[in-house]
């Protein structure tokens, strides 16, 4: 089975079915989400009913029992029709749910995964902090100290996708400040825990409607049994999860590029100037040809990376070829998105500059994909570091 260059029949069916669902159910929500930073609270339970949550989780815990490749195809389809919702979905299903499934014990899995997989609970990941940015581990200031049967968490997290609406969060904190990044632990936090609050909902330039927040912990009491893995070994959870996160950002870029190309082709075929459709002019044809090539090369790179990440066993990510490949994939995805959307807006002309237009909504998504999950500059460091490793 060759994942690298084309999809097999089963994979194509997954993509096509998800595309039909996203077009019918998620696309009608996209304009309101962007205009009002609105969150459709009924959407996640509907996804759970149709089996589009917990994609990589075993069926015994309520999931679909599929692989990361399948999850990436579903994300690609969602991104075509509602990229803000697609971001919320991947933050839930990959950053939170898959990390809990991969690293938690069976008791924790049984307690939290079924509701995350049926959509009655929404998940989030709490890593980034004010002042930390790319140095998320070294600059971490959130602490957790054990007192009897609980850990008391103190600190804050920033730019947390799904933060305002999350019921369950996977949060990282330092349990031994003297050990630096090797003194970090992972915890499952419930939104109802005393001492936890959403400090503020953040209003964004792009991906509006995907809810983002600053979270605060003030002596937040977390039961000892909510420690994920081993105390002070949370860095293993972080690093293995980051590579899969990067692999799952590229489908988001691809879906957005596909939709931008489709919109631009439609516009070129209908917009007339000087008595001709603008698609008849060679300058527009060149732009469309470039957008197509950039999108198709991104597609191939995306599928290759997803296939490689799907074969990675728990604990194997965070180093080596997969570390380099996922960083390269998301770097390329962000750069190609920038190129495709820039030409897409240029083809649309003045109408593309209007806030309410769909191509404008897509254009405002560019920067996050060059910043999130490590900036392009950090991705370059990862790639070069692995290339130069002896």
Protein backbone atom coordinates (compact mmCIF):
# COMPACT_ATOMS: atom_id res chain seq x y z
CA UNK A 1 0.00 0.00 0.00
CA UNK A 2 1.60 3.25 -1.11
CA UNK A 3 0.60 6.15 1.13
CA UNK A 4 3.21 8.52 -0.21
CA UNK A 5 1.78 9.43 -3.58
CA UNK A 6 -1.91 8.58 -3.69
CA UNK A 7 -4.70 7.40 -1.44
CA UNK A 8 -6.10 3.90 -1.61
CA UNK A 9 -9.85 3.34 -2.00
CA UNK A 10 -10.54 3.19 1.75
CA UNK A 11 -8.60 6.37 2.42
CA UNK A 12 -10.27 8.20 -0.45
CA UNK A 13 -13.63 7.13 0.94
CA UNK A 14 -12.72 8.53 4.37
CA UNK A 15 -11.75 11.84 2.79
CA UNK A 16 -14.86 12.01 0.59
CA UNK A 17 -17.27 11.18 3.41
CA UNK A 18 -15.66 13.73 5.72
CA UNK A 19 -15.80 16.30 2.92
CA UNK A 20 -19.53 15.75 2.44
CA UNK A 21 -20.14 16.01 6.18
CA UNK A 22 -18.05 19.17 6.57
CA UNK A 23 -19.69 20.87 3.60
CA UNK A 24 -23.19 20.11 4.87
CA UNK A 25 -22.70 20.62 8.62
CA UNK A 26 -19.67 22.86 9.19
CA UNK A 27 -19.56 25.21 6.21
CA UNK A 28 -22.87 26.90 7.12
CA UNK A 29 -21.33 27.80 10.51
CA UNK A 30 -18.14 29.36 9.16
CA UNK A 31 -19.28 32.93 8.41
CA UNK A 32 -20.96 33.43 11.79
CA UNK A 33 -17.96 31.94 13.60
CA UNK A 34 -15.68 34.42 11.85
CA UNK A 35 -17.90 37.45 12.19
CA UNK A 36 -18.82 36.99 15.84
CA UNK A 37 -16.08 34.76 17.30
CA UNK A 38 -19.05 32.47 17.91
CA UNK A 39 -18.79 28.87 19.11
CA UNK A 40 -21.41 26.32 17.91
CA UNK A 41 -21.94 24.32 21.10
CA UNK A 42 -24.03 21.66 19.37
CA UNK A 43 -21.33 20.76 16.82
CA UNK A 44 -19.15 18.47 18.95
CA UNK A 45 -21.98 16.19 20.14
CA UNK A 46 -23.04 15.82 16.48
CA UNK A 47 -19.47 14.89 15.55
CA UNK A 48 -19.47 12.30 18.31
CA UNK A 49 -22.69 10.78 17.01
CA UNK A 50 -21.21 10.42 13.51
CA UNK A 51 -17.91 8.92 14.71
CA UNK A 52 -15.67 11.89 13.92
CA UNK A 53 -14.14 12.16 17.40
CA UNK A 54 -11.50 9.98 19.04
CA UNK A 55 -10.27 8.92 15.61
CA UNK A 56 -7.02 7.36 16.88
CA UNK A 57 -8.52 5.98 20.12
CA UNK A 58 -9.30 2.26 20.47
CA UNK A 59 -12.96 1.30 20.32
CA UNK A 60 -12.91 -0.04 23.89
CA UNK A 61 -12.47 3.56 25.10
CA UNK A 62 -15.13 4.97 22.78
CA UNK A 63 -12.94 5.87 19.80
CA UNK A 64 -12.94 4.96 16.13
CA UNK A 65 -9.80 2.81 16.26
CA UNK A 66 -8.27 4.37 13.16
CA UNK A 67 -4.77 5.68 12.43
CA UNK A 68 -3.21 9.13 12.22
CA UNK A 69 -3.45 9.06 8.42
CA UNK A 70 -7.23 8.76 8.69
CA UNK A 71 -7.34 11.58 11.24
CA UNK A 72 -5.32 13.76 8.86
CA UNK A 73 -7.74 13.10 6.00
CA UNK A 74 -10.70 14.08 8.16
CA UNK A 75 -8.89 17.25 9.20
CA UNK A 76 -8.07 18.07 5.57
CA UNK A 77 -11.76 17.83 4.65
CA UNK A 78 -12.88 19.95 7.61
CA UNK A 79 -10.29 22.62 6.78
CA UNK A 80 -11.71 23.01 3.28
CA UNK A 81 -15.08 24.12 4.63
CA UNK A 82 -14.51 25.57 8.10
CA UNK A 83 -10.85 25.96 9.02
CA UNK A 84 -11.60 27.60 12.39
CA UNK A 85 -13.66 24.61 13.46
CA UNK A 86 -11.02 22.27 12.04
CA UNK A 87 -8.44 23.88 14.33
CA UNK A 88 -10.71 23.35 17.33
CA UNK A 89 -11.23 19.74 16.26
CA UNK A 90 -7.54 18.93 15.95
CA UNK A 91 -6.74 20.62 19.28
CA UNK A 92 -9.35 18.37 20.86
CA UNK A 93 -8.73 15.14 19.00
CA UNK A 94 -4.96 15.21 18.63
CA UNK A 95 -3.44 17.51 21.22
CA UNK A 96 -5.71 16.39 24.05
CA UNK A 97 -7.45 13.10 23.29
CA UNK A 98 -4.65 11.31 21.45
CA UNK A 99 -2.09 12.42 24.04
CA UNK A 100 -4.24 11.10 26.88
CA UNK A 101 -4.81 7.84 25.00
CA UNK A 102 -1.10 7.43 24.27
CA UNK A 103 0.24 8.35 27.71
CA UNK A 104 -2.44 7.85 30.36
CA UNK A 105 -3.13 4.66 32.29
CA UNK A 106 -6.24 2.56 31.67
CA UNK A 107 -8.13 4.00 34.64
CA UNK A 108 -7.58 7.54 33.33
CA UNK A 109 -8.55 6.44 29.85
CA UNK A 110 -11.79 4.87 31.04
CA UNK A 111 -12.65 7.94 33.09
CA UNK A 112 -12.04 10.62 30.45
CA UNK A 113 -11.91 9.24 26.91
CA UNK A 114 -15.54 8.07 26.39
CA UNK A 115 -16.99 11.56 26.95
CA UNK A 116 -14.23 13.15 24.86
CA UNK A 117 -15.00 10.68 22.09
CA UNK A 118 -18.77 11.16 22.12
CA UNK A 119 -18.50 14.96 22.08
CA UNK A 120 -20.15 15.67 25.42
CA UNK A 121 -16.76 16.90 26.65
CA UNK A 122 -14.30 19.13 24.76
CA UNK A 123 -10.55 18.79 25.23
CA UNK A 124 -7.60 21.18 25.18
CA UNK A 125 -3.84 21.20 25.74
CA UNK A 126 -2.17 23.65 28.12
CA UNK A 127 1.52 24.17 27.33
CA UNK A 128 2.33 27.71 26.16
CA UNK A 129 2.69 30.44 28.80
CA UNK A 130 2.98 34.24 28.85
CA UNK A 131 6.58 35.14 28.04
CA UNK A 132 7.49 31.61 26.95
CA UNK A 133 6.65 31.31 23.25
CA UNK A 134 9.10 29.06 21.41
CA UNK A 135 10.92 28.24 24.67
CA UNK A 136 7.81 26.59 26.08
CA UNK A 137 9.70 24.11 28.25
CA UNK A 138 12.67 26.12 29.46
CA UNK A 139 10.57 29.18 30.33
CA UNK A 140 7.71 27.29 31.99
CA UNK A 141 6.68 28.94 35.23
CA UNK A 142 3.53 27.02 36.10
CA UNK A 143 4.36 24.83 39.10
CA UNK A 144 2.79 21.83 40.80
CA UNK A 145 3.68 20.79 44.34
CA UNK A 146 2.33 17.71 46.00
CA UNK A 147 0.46 18.07 49.25
CA UNK A 148 -0.98 14.77 50.42
CA UNK A 149 -3.41 13.38 47.88
CA UNK A 150 -3.34 16.40 45.56
CA UNK A 151 -0.99 18.53 43.51
CA UNK A 152 -1.48 22.27 43.84
CA UNK A 153 -0.98 24.00 40.47
CA UNK A 154 -0.08 27.68 40.25
CA UNK A 155 0.57 29.70 37.11
CA UNK A 156 -1.03 30.51 33.78
CA UNK A 157 -1.24 29.29 30.20
CA UNK A 158 -1.73 31.50 27.14
CA UNK A 159 -3.05 31.09 23.57
CA UNK A 160 -4.84 27.88 24.52
CA UNK A 161 -7.09 26.64 21.72
CA UNK A 162 -10.48 25.49 23.07
CA UNK A 163 -9.56 27.06 26.43
CA UNK A 164 -12.88 28.89 26.94
CA UNK A 165 -15.02 25.83 26.13
CA UNK A 166 -12.86 22.91 27.33
CA UNK A 167 -14.12 20.43 29.91
CA UNK A 168 -10.87 18.44 30.11
CA UNK A 169 -7.33 19.76 29.68
CA UNK A 170 -3.93 18.12 29.52
CA UNK A 171 -1.71 20.62 31.34
CA UNK A 172 2.05 20.71 31.93
CA UNK A 173 3.68 22.12 35.07
CA UNK A 174 7.07 22.02 36.78
CA UNK A 175 7.20 19.63 39.69
CA UNK A 176 10.94 20.14 40.23
CA UNK A 177 12.14 23.62 39.28
CA UNK A 178 15.79 22.70 39.79
CA UNK A 179 15.66 20.13 36.97
CA UNK A 180 14.47 22.56 34.30
CA UNK A 181 12.63 20.84 31.46
CA UNK A 182 13.41 17.49 33.07
CA UNK A 183 11.30 18.47 36.04
CA UNK A 184 8.02 18.82 34.13
CA UNK A 185 4.94 16.68 34.73
CA UNK A 186 1.64 16.27 32.88
CA UNK A 187 -1.79 16.44 34.52
CA UNK A 188 -5.40 15.94 33.48
CA UNK A 189 -7.39 18.96 34.62
CA UNK A 190 -11.18 19.25 34.76
CA UNK A 191 -12.72 22.65 34.14
CA UNK A 192 -14.63 22.35 37.42
CA UNK A 193 -11.55 21.96 39.62
CA UNK A 194 -11.33 24.62 42.32
CA UNK A 195 -8.62 27.16 41.57
CA UNK A 196 -8.93 26.88 37.79
CA UNK A 197 -10.43 29.69 35.71
CA UNK A 198 -10.49 31.14 32.22
CA UNK A 199 -8.86 34.55 32.70
CA UNK A 200 -9.80 35.96 29.33
CA UNK A 201 -11.04 34.92 25.92
CA UNK A 202 -8.68 36.18 23.21
CA UNK A 203 -9.90 37.80 19.99
CA UNK A 204 -7.82 36.83 16.96
CA UNK A 205 -7.11 38.06 13.46
CA UNK A 206 -7.72 34.66 11.88
CA UNK A 207 -9.27 31.32 12.83
CA UNK A 208 -11.97 33.36 14.55
CA UNK A 209 -14.58 31.18 16.19
CA UNK A 210 -11.91 28.74 17.26
CA UNK A 211 -12.00 29.68 20.93
CA UNK A 212 -8.69 30.78 22.46
CA UNK A 213 -7.96 31.81 26.04
CA UNK A 214 -5.59 32.59 28.85
CA UNK A 215 -5.97 30.09 31.69
CA UNK A 216 -5.06 30.68 35.33
CA UNK A 217 -4.32 28.21 38.13
CA UNK A 218 -4.42 29.45 41.71
CA UNK A 219 -3.75 26.57 44.12
CA UNK A 220 -5.72 24.41 41.69
CA UNK A 221 -6.13 21.09 43.51
CA UNK A 222 -5.49 18.17 41.16
CA UNK A 223 -5.88 14.62 42.49
CA UNK A 224 -2.67 12.61 42.49
CA UNK A 225 -4.35 10.02 40.29
CA UNK A 226 -4.59 12.66 37.54
CA UNK A 227 -0.82 12.70 37.07
CA UNK A 228 -0.16 11.36 33.56
CA UNK A 229 2.83 9.05 33.43
CA UNK A 230 5.72 9.53 35.84
CA UNK A 231 6.41 12.67 37.85
CA UNK A 232 9.16 14.83 36.28
CA UNK A 233 8.98 12.89 33.00
CA UNK A 234 6.36 15.00 31.26
CA UNK A 235 8.91 16.15 28.69
CA UNK A 236 8.54 12.73 27.04
CA UNK A 237 4.81 13.36 26.66
CA UNK A 238 5.47 16.85 25.29
CA UNK A 239 8.03 15.86 22.69
CA UNK A 240 6.22 12.79 21.38
CA UNK A 241 3.03 14.82 21.10
CA UNK A 242 4.65 17.77 19.34
CA UNK A 243 5.77 15.70 16.37
CA UNK A 244 2.28 14.29 15.89
CA UNK A 245 0.88 17.81 16.30
CA UNK A 246 3.13 19.08 13.52
CA UNK A 247 2.09 16.18 11.29
CA UNK A 248 -1.53 17.15 11.91
CA UNK A 249 -1.06 20.83 11.10
CA UNK A 250 -0.10 20.17 7.48
CA UNK A 251 -3.54 18.73 6.55
CA UNK A 252 -5.03 21.96 7.88
CA UNK A 253 -2.80 23.92 5.49
CA UNK A 254 -3.67 21.60 2.62
CA UNK A 255 -7.43 21.88 3.09
CA UNK A 256 -7.22 25.67 3.17
CA UNK A 257 -5.09 25.72 0.00
CA UNK A 258 -7.53 23.41 -1.79
CA UNK A 259 -10.45 25.66 -0.98
CA UNK A 260 -8.54 28.81 -1.97
CA UNK A 261 -7.67 27.27 -5.34
CA UNK A 262 -11.29 26.23 -5.91
CA UNK A 263 -12.57 29.72 -5.08
CA UNK A 264 -9.97 31.31 -7.36
CA UNK A 265 -10.82 29.06 -10.30
CA UNK A 266 -14.52 29.83 -9.88
CA UNK A 267 -13.80 33.56 -9.71
CA UNK A 268 -11.53 33.46 -12.77
CA UNK A 269 -14.29 31.71 -14.73
CA UNK A 270 -17.00 34.23 -13.80
CA UNK A 271 -15.34 37.63 -13.35
CA UNK A 272 -15.22 39.60 -16.60
CA UNK A 273 -12.95 42.49 -17.59
CA UNK A 274 -12.46 44.02 -21.03
CA UNK A 275 -15.19 41.78 -22.39
CA UNK A 276 -13.51 38.52 -21.32
CA UNK A 277 -13.39 36.35 -18.22
CA UNK A 278 -10.18 37.05 -16.34
CA UNK A 279 -9.32 33.36 -16.62
CA UNK A 280 -8.63 33.96 -20.30
CA UNK A 281 -5.69 36.22 -19.46
CA UNK A 282 -2.29 34.53 -19.25
CA UNK A 283 -1.32 36.40 -16.09
CA UNK A 284 -4.28 34.86 -14.23
CA UNK A 285 -3.59 31.47 -15.77
CA UNK A 286 -0.03 31.59 -14.46
CA UNK A 287 -1.26 32.39 -10.97
CA UNK A 288 -3.71 29.50 -11.04
CA UNK A 289 -1.03 27.15 -12.37
CA UNK A 290 1.33 28.16 -9.56
CA UNK A 291 -1.41 27.70 -6.94
CA UNK A 292 -2.12 24.23 -8.32
CA UNK A 293 1.54 23.16 -8.25
CA UNK A 294 2.06 24.46 -4.72
CA UNK A 295 -1.08 22.69 -3.51
CA UNK A 296 -0.22 19.39 -5.18
CA UNK A 297 3.35 19.31 -3.85
CA UNK A 298 1.96 20.07 -0.39
CA UNK A 299 -0.51 17.21 -0.78
CA UNK A 300 2.26 14.71 -1.51
CA UNK A 301 4.45 15.92 1.36
CA UNK A 302 1.46 15.89 3.70
CA UNK A 303 0.49 12.30 2.90
CA UNK A 304 4.07 11.09 3.16
CA UNK A 305 4.45 12.69 6.59
CA UNK A 306 1.12 11.38 7.88
CA UNK A 307 2.01 7.88 6.71
CA UNK A 308 5.37 8.04 8.49
CA UNK A 309 3.84 9.45 11.67
CA UNK A 310 1.17 6.72 11.62
CA UNK A 311 3.90 4.10 11.89
CA UNK A 312 5.60 5.71 14.88
CA UNK A 313 5.12 3.79 18.12
CA UNK A 314 4.46 5.55 21.41
CA UNK A 315 7.64 7.13 22.74
CA UNK A 316 9.51 7.08 19.41
CA UNK A 317 8.69 10.62 18.34
CA UNK A 318 10.63 13.70 19.40
CA UNK A 319 13.88 12.69 17.74
CA UNK A 320 15.39 11.34 14.54
CA UNK A 321 13.85 11.26 11.09
CA UNK A 322 10.25 11.80 12.20
CA UNK A 323 11.30 14.89 14.19
CA UNK A 324 12.92 16.31 11.07
CA UNK A 325 10.16 15.24 8.69
CA UNK A 326 7.23 16.67 10.67
CA UNK A 327 9.04 19.97 11.19
CA UNK A 328 9.77 20.14 7.45
CA UNK A 329 6.20 19.27 6.55
CA UNK A 330 4.61 21.99 8.66
CA UNK A 331 7.27 24.51 7.57
CA UNK A 332 6.46 23.76 3.95
CA UNK A 333 2.73 23.81 4.66
CA UNK A 334 2.86 27.28 6.18
CA UNK A 335 5.00 28.63 3.37
CA UNK A 336 2.85 27.16 0.60
CA UNK A 337 -0.30 28.45 2.28
CA UNK A 338 1.21 31.91 2.27
CA UNK A 339 1.93 31.66 -1.47
CA UNK A 340 -1.42 30.16 -2.43
CA UNK A 341 -3.53 32.61 -0.43
CA UNK A 342 -1.52 35.61 -1.57
CA UNK A 343 -2.19 34.76 -5.20
CA UNK A 344 -5.79 33.85 -4.42
CA UNK A 345 -6.50 37.30 -2.99
CA UNK A 346 -4.66 38.89 -5.93
CA UNK A 347 -6.93 37.06 -8.37
CA UNK A 348 -10.00 38.21 -6.46
CA UNK A 349 -8.78 41.81 -6.52
CA UNK A 350 -10.82 44.27 -4.51
CA UNK A 351 -13.43 41.69 -3.55
CA UNK A 352 -10.71 39.62 -1.91
CA UNK A 353 -9.75 42.55 0.30
CA UNK A 354 -13.24 42.75 1.81
CA UNK A 355 -13.39 41.24 5.30
CA UNK A 356 -16.60 39.26 4.69
CA UNK A 357 -15.34 37.44 1.60
CA UNK A 358 -14.41 33.79 2.01
CA UNK A 359 -10.99 34.21 0.39
CA UNK A 360 -10.28 37.01 2.88
CA UNK A 361 -11.26 34.71 5.74
CA UNK A 362 -8.81 32.13 4.44
CA UNK A 363 -6.09 34.75 3.93
CA UNK A 364 -6.29 35.81 7.57
CA UNK A 365 -5.42 32.26 8.59
CA UNK A 366 -1.92 32.39 7.08
CA UNK A 367 0.14 33.66 10.00
CA UNK A 368 -1.00 31.20 12.63
CA UNK A 369 0.31 28.30 10.57
CA UNK A 370 3.73 29.98 10.44
CA UNK A 371 3.72 30.50 14.21
CA UNK A 372 1.76 27.71 15.90
CA UNK A 373 3.41 24.48 17.09
CA UNK A 374 6.78 26.19 16.86
CA UNK A 375 7.55 29.08 14.52
CA UNK A 376 9.05 28.60 11.07
CA UNK A 377 12.38 29.65 12.56
CA UNK A 378 12.18 26.91 15.20
CA UNK A 379 11.24 24.40 12.52
CA UNK A 380 14.41 25.38 10.66
CA UNK A 381 16.46 24.75 13.80
CA UNK A 382 14.91 21.30 14.24
CA UNK A 383 15.55 20.31 10.62
CA UNK A 384 19.13 21.60 10.62
CA UNK A 385 19.82 20.02 14.02
CA UNK A 386 18.82 16.60 12.76
CA UNK A 387 20.72 17.05 9.49
CA UNK A 388 23.90 17.97 11.34
CA UNK A 389 23.58 15.35 14.07
CA UNK A 390 26.56 12.98 14.09
